[in-house]
C-alpha atoms as a PDB file:
ATOM      1  CA  MET A   1      -0.044  -0.041  -0.077  1.00  0.00           C
ATOM      2  CA  LYS A   2       2.789   2.311   0.938  1.00  0.00           C
ATOM      3  CA  LYS A   3       4.345   1.702  -2.493  1.00  0.00           C
ATOM      4  CA  LEU A   4       1.429   2.492  -3.991  1.00  0.00           C
ATOM      5  CA  ILE A   5       0.644   5.827  -2.612  1.00  0.00           C
ATOM      6  CA  GLY A   6       4.467   6.558  -3.085  1.00  0.00           C
ATOM      7  CA  ALA A   7       4.023   5.736  -7.000  1.00  0.00           C
ATOM      8  CA  ALA A   8       0.944   7.848  -7.444  1.00  0.00           C
ATOM      9  CA  ILE A   9       2.657  11.098  -5.684  1.00  0.00           C
ATOM     10  CA  ALA A  10       5.702  10.405  -8.095  1.00  0.00           C
ATOM     11  CA  ASN A  11       3.362  10.340 -11.104  1.00  0.00           C
ATOM     12  CA  TRP A  12       1.638  13.668  -9.503  1.00  0.00           C
ATOM     13  CA  PHE A  13       5.017  15.481  -9.577  1.00  0.00           C
ATOM     14  CA  ARG A  14       5.940  14.440 -13.102  1.00  0.00           C
ATOM     15  CA  LYS A  15       3.465  17.313 -14.506  1.00  0.00           C
ATOM     16  CA  PRO A  16       5.131  20.596 -14.588  1.00  0.00           C
ATOM     17  CA  GLU A  17       2.257  22.156 -13.346  1.00  0.00           C
ATOM     18  CA  ASN A  18       1.980  19.956 -10.801  1.00  0.00           C
ATOM     19  CA  ARG A  19       5.542  20.633  -9.257  1.00  0.00           C
ATOM     20  CA  GLU A  20       4.686  24.414  -9.814  1.00  0.00           C
ATOM     21  CA  LYS A  21       1.761  24.448  -7.505  1.00  0.00           C
ATOM     22  CA  ALA A  22       3.333  22.183  -4.776  1.00  0.00           C
ATOM     23  CA  LYS A  23       6.292  25.086  -4.695  1.00  0.00           C
ATOM     24  CA  GLN A  24       3.834  27.585  -4.570  1.00  0.00           C
ATOM     25  CA  THR A  25       1.893  25.907  -1.823  1.00  0.00           C
ATOM     26  CA  ALA A  26       5.419  25.288   0.003  1.00  0.00           C
ATOM     27  CA  LYS A  27       6.199  28.735  -0.071  1.00  0.00           C
ATOM     28  CA  GLN A  28       2.728  29.966   1.174  1.00  0.00           C
ATOM     29  CA  ALA A  29       2.976  27.610   3.875  1.00  0.00           C
ATOM     30  CA  TYR A  30       6.632  28.645   4.972  1.00  0.00           C
ATOM     31  CA  SER A  31       5.480  32.416   5.060  1.00  0.00           C
ATOM     32  CA  LYS A  32       2.780  31.920   7.283  1.00  0.00           C
ATOM     33  CA  TYR A  33       4.936  29.915   9.398  1.00  0.00           C
ATOM     34  CA  GLN A  34       7.566  32.640   9.523  1.00  0.00           C
ATOM     35  CA  GLN A  35       4.894  35.369  10.122  1.00  0.00           C
ATOM     36  CA  ARG A  36       3.526  33.151  13.192  1.00  0.00           C
ATOM     37  CA  LYS A  37       6.843  32.715  14.545  1.00  0.00           C
ATOM     38  CA  GLY A  38       8.130  36.309  14.188  1.00  0.00           C
ATOM     39  CA  ASN A  39       4.810  37.923  15.149  1.00  0.00           C
ATOM     40  CA  SER A  40       3.561  36.063  17.992  1.00  0.00           C
ATOM     41  CA  PRO A  41       6.530  35.213  20.471  1.00  0.00           C
ATOM     42  CA  THR A  42       4.381  35.913  23.449  1.00  0.00           C
ATOM     43  CA  ASP A  43       0.994  34.124  22.549  1.00  0.00           C
ATOM     44  CA  ASN A  44      -0.480  31.380  24.363  1.00  0.00           C
ATOM     45  CA  GLY A  45       1.275  32.492  27.762  1.00  0.00           C
ATOM     46  CA  ARG A  46       5.083  32.103  26.218  1.00  0.00           C
ATOM     47  CA  LYS A  47       7.671  34.374  27.134  1.00  0.00           C
ATOM     48  CA  PRO A  48      10.121  35.253  24.460  1.00  0.00           C
ATOM     49  CA  ARG A  49      13.354  33.445  24.774  1.00  0.00           C
END
């Protein structure tokens, strides 16, 4: 089952438009992560280090 899923993902990434979509999604997710990390050091009762 794991091999089948891996093969399906590999086939999906073979298309150039899918690779571009994945890159854009990864960039967006990383920028959101950076914003949360940088803008909220005191959220949830945490103190900045």
